[in-house]
N, C-alpha and C. Protein backbone atom coordinates (compact mmCIF):
# COMPACT_ATOMS: atom_id res chain seq x y z
N MET A 1 1.20 -10.05 -8.22
CA MET A 1 0.57 -9.18 -9.18
C MET A 1 1.37 -9.21 -10.48
N GLN A 2 0.69 -9.40 -11.55
CA GLN A 2 1.34 -9.45 -12.85
C GLN A 2 1.57 -8.03 -13.35
N LYS A 3 2.81 -7.71 -13.69
CA LYS A 3 3.17 -6.38 -14.19
C LYS A 3 2.85 -6.23 -15.67
N ASP A 4 3.16 -7.24 -16.46
CA ASP A 4 3.00 -7.14 -17.91
C ASP A 4 1.58 -7.48 -18.35
N PRO A 5 1.00 -6.67 -19.23
CA PRO A 5 -0.31 -7.00 -19.78
C PRO A 5 -0.21 -8.14 -20.78
N ILE A 6 -1.28 -8.87 -20.94
CA ILE A 6 -1.32 -9.99 -21.88
C ILE A 6 -1.70 -9.51 -23.28
N LYS A 7 -2.61 -8.51 -23.32
CA LYS A 7 -3.06 -8.02 -24.63
C LYS A 7 -3.43 -6.55 -24.53
N CYS A 8 -3.58 -5.92 -25.65
CA CYS A 8 -3.97 -4.52 -25.74
C CYS A 8 -5.42 -4.36 -25.29
N PRO A 9 -5.71 -3.40 -24.40
CA PRO A 9 -7.09 -3.21 -23.97
C PRO A 9 -7.97 -2.54 -25.04
N PHE A 10 -7.36 -2.03 -26.11
CA PHE A 10 -8.11 -1.36 -27.16
C PHE A 10 -8.50 -2.29 -28.30
N CYS A 11 -7.54 -3.10 -28.78
CA CYS A 11 -7.82 -3.95 -29.94
C CYS A 11 -7.68 -5.45 -29.65
N GLY A 12 -7.11 -5.81 -28.52
CA GLY A 12 -6.95 -7.22 -28.16
C GLY A 12 -5.70 -7.89 -28.70
N ALA A 13 -4.86 -7.16 -29.42
CA ALA A 13 -3.64 -7.74 -29.97
C ALA A 13 -2.62 -8.01 -28.86
N ALA A 14 -1.75 -8.97 -29.10
CA ALA A 14 -0.73 -9.33 -28.11
C ALA A 14 0.65 -8.79 -28.48
N PHE A 15 0.72 -7.92 -29.46
CA PHE A 15 2.00 -7.36 -29.90
C PHE A 15 2.24 -6.04 -29.17
N LEU A 16 2.87 -6.12 -27.99
CA LEU A 16 3.04 -4.95 -27.14
C LEU A 16 4.52 -4.63 -26.94
N GLN A 17 4.81 -3.35 -26.86
CA GLN A 17 6.16 -2.89 -26.59
C GLN A 17 6.14 -2.10 -25.28
N GLU A 18 6.99 -2.51 -24.32
CA GLU A 18 7.07 -1.79 -23.06
C GLU A 18 7.95 -0.56 -23.24
N LEU A 19 7.44 0.58 -22.80
CA LEU A 19 8.18 1.83 -22.88
C LEU A 19 8.83 2.11 -21.52
N GLU A 20 9.59 3.15 -21.42
CA GLU A 20 10.30 3.50 -20.19
C GLU A 20 9.30 3.83 -19.07
N PRO A 21 9.42 3.18 -17.90
CA PRO A 21 8.50 3.48 -16.80
C PRO A 21 8.81 4.83 -16.15
N THR A 22 7.83 5.36 -15.44
CA THR A 22 7.95 6.63 -14.74
C THR A 22 7.74 6.37 -13.25
N GLY A 23 8.50 7.05 -12.40
CA GLY A 23 8.34 6.93 -10.97
C GLY A 23 7.84 8.24 -10.37
N LEU A 24 6.97 8.14 -9.36
CA LEU A 24 6.44 9.30 -8.68
C LEU A 24 6.43 9.02 -7.19
N GLU A 25 7.03 9.89 -6.41
CA GLU A 25 7.13 9.70 -4.97
C GLU A 25 6.27 10.73 -4.26
N THR A 26 5.41 10.26 -3.33
CA THR A 26 4.62 11.14 -2.49
C THR A 26 5.06 10.93 -1.04
N GLU A 27 4.44 11.61 -0.11
CA GLU A 27 4.81 11.45 1.29
C GLU A 27 4.49 10.06 1.82
N GLU A 28 3.44 9.43 1.29
CA GLU A 28 3.01 8.13 1.81
C GLU A 28 3.35 6.93 0.93
N SER A 29 3.63 7.15 -0.35
CA SER A 29 3.84 6.00 -1.22
C SER A 29 4.72 6.35 -2.41
N TYR A 30 5.17 5.30 -3.08
CA TYR A 30 5.95 5.43 -4.30
C TYR A 30 5.15 4.78 -5.42
N TRP A 31 4.89 5.51 -6.48
CA TRP A 31 4.11 5.01 -7.61
C TRP A 31 5.05 4.73 -8.78
N THR A 32 4.89 3.56 -9.39
CA THR A 32 5.58 3.24 -10.62
C THR A 32 4.52 3.16 -11.71
N ILE A 33 4.73 3.91 -12.77
CA ILE A 33 3.78 3.94 -13.89
C ILE A 33 4.45 3.26 -15.08
N PHE A 34 3.93 2.11 -15.44
CA PHE A 34 4.46 1.36 -16.58
C PHE A 34 3.66 1.74 -17.82
N HIS A 35 4.38 1.96 -18.93
CA HIS A 35 3.76 2.39 -20.18
C HIS A 35 3.98 1.32 -21.25
N TRP A 36 2.94 1.05 -22.03
CA TRP A 36 3.04 0.13 -23.16
C TRP A 36 2.43 0.76 -24.40
N GLN A 37 2.92 0.31 -25.54
CA GLN A 37 2.35 0.71 -26.82
C GLN A 37 2.01 -0.55 -27.60
N CYS A 38 0.81 -0.58 -28.14
CA CYS A 38 0.40 -1.70 -28.99
C CYS A 38 1.00 -1.49 -30.37
N LEU A 39 1.67 -2.50 -30.88
CA LEU A 39 2.28 -2.40 -32.20
C LEU A 39 1.28 -2.64 -33.33
N GLU A 40 0.08 -3.09 -32.97
CA GLU A 40 -0.98 -3.34 -33.95
C GLU A 40 -1.80 -2.06 -34.21
N CYS A 41 -2.38 -1.48 -33.15
CA CYS A 41 -3.23 -0.30 -33.32
C CYS A 41 -2.53 1.00 -32.93
N GLU A 42 -1.31 0.91 -32.38
CA GLU A 42 -0.47 2.03 -31.99
C GLU A 42 -1.00 2.85 -30.82
N GLU A 43 -2.00 2.34 -30.10
CA GLU A 43 -2.48 3.01 -28.89
C GLU A 43 -1.49 2.78 -27.76
N THR A 44 -1.41 3.72 -26.81
CA THR A 44 -0.58 3.55 -25.63
C THR A 44 -1.49 3.44 -24.41
N PHE A 45 -1.04 2.71 -23.40
CA PHE A 45 -1.79 2.56 -22.17
C PHE A 45 -0.82 2.36 -21.02
N ASP A 46 -1.32 2.55 -19.79
CA ASP A 46 -0.47 2.53 -18.60
C ASP A 46 -1.02 1.57 -17.56
N LYS A 47 -0.14 1.19 -16.63
CA LYS A 47 -0.52 0.44 -15.45
C LYS A 47 0.23 1.07 -14.29
N LEU A 48 -0.50 1.36 -13.20
CA LEU A 48 0.09 1.99 -12.03
C LEU A 48 0.20 0.99 -10.90
N ILE A 49 1.35 1.01 -10.23
CA ILE A 49 1.57 0.16 -9.06
C ILE A 49 2.04 1.06 -7.93
N SER A 50 1.34 0.99 -6.80
CA SER A 50 1.67 1.80 -5.63
C SER A 50 2.30 0.92 -4.56
N GLU A 51 3.39 1.42 -3.98
CA GLU A 51 4.06 0.72 -2.89
C GLU A 51 4.18 1.69 -1.74
N PRO A 52 4.02 1.23 -0.49
CA PRO A 52 4.17 2.13 0.66
C PRO A 52 5.56 2.74 0.68
N TYR A 53 5.61 4.02 1.04
CA TYR A 53 6.89 4.72 1.12
C TYR A 53 7.59 4.31 2.40
N GLU A 54 8.85 3.94 2.30
CA GLU A 54 9.65 3.58 3.46
C GLU A 54 10.82 4.54 3.54
N ASP A 55 10.91 5.27 4.68
CA ASP A 55 12.02 6.19 4.82
C ASP A 55 13.24 5.45 5.37
N ASP A 56 14.36 6.14 5.39
CA ASP A 56 15.61 5.55 5.85
C ASP A 56 16.00 6.01 7.25
N PHE A 57 15.01 6.41 8.07
CA PHE A 57 15.30 6.95 9.38
C PHE A 57 15.14 5.95 10.51
N GLY A 58 14.93 4.70 10.20
CA GLY A 58 14.88 3.65 11.21
C GLY A 58 13.74 3.79 12.18
N ASP A 59 14.05 4.03 13.49
CA ASP A 59 13.05 4.06 14.53
C ASP A 59 12.43 5.42 14.77
N GLU A 60 12.72 6.42 13.98
CA GLU A 60 12.16 7.74 14.19
C GLU A 60 10.71 7.78 13.76
N GLU A 61 9.92 8.57 14.48
CA GLU A 61 8.52 8.73 14.13
C GLU A 61 8.41 9.70 12.97
N SER A 62 7.22 9.83 12.41
CA SER A 62 7.03 10.66 11.23
C SER A 62 7.24 12.15 11.49
N ASP A 63 7.16 12.61 12.78
CA ASP A 63 7.37 14.03 13.05
C ASP A 63 8.86 14.35 13.25
N GLY A 64 9.74 13.37 13.10
CA GLY A 64 11.18 13.60 13.16
C GLY A 64 11.79 13.35 14.51
N ARG A 65 10.98 13.09 15.54
CA ARG A 65 11.53 12.82 16.87
C ARG A 65 11.80 11.33 17.02
N ALA A 66 12.85 11.02 17.73
CA ALA A 66 13.20 9.61 17.97
C ALA A 66 12.16 8.96 18.86
N ALA A 67 11.82 7.72 18.58
CA ALA A 67 10.86 6.96 19.40
C ALA A 67 11.55 6.49 20.66
N HIS A 68 10.85 6.60 21.79
CA HIS A 68 11.42 6.19 23.09
C HIS A 68 10.59 5.11 23.71
């Protein structure tokens, strides 16, 4: 999956500046929100990428009990 956009969805210009991304964590997934600003028309737009949430508990089930 390509993270970077090729052109502005508003004016079609290719002069884009990537802004600081934002992260959001839910119980099931981790979302990364990438932000860009077009240097031609000055509009901003986002792209969201969702990844499954992986906990650090190894073999434990989601209710907190160890799997047997």
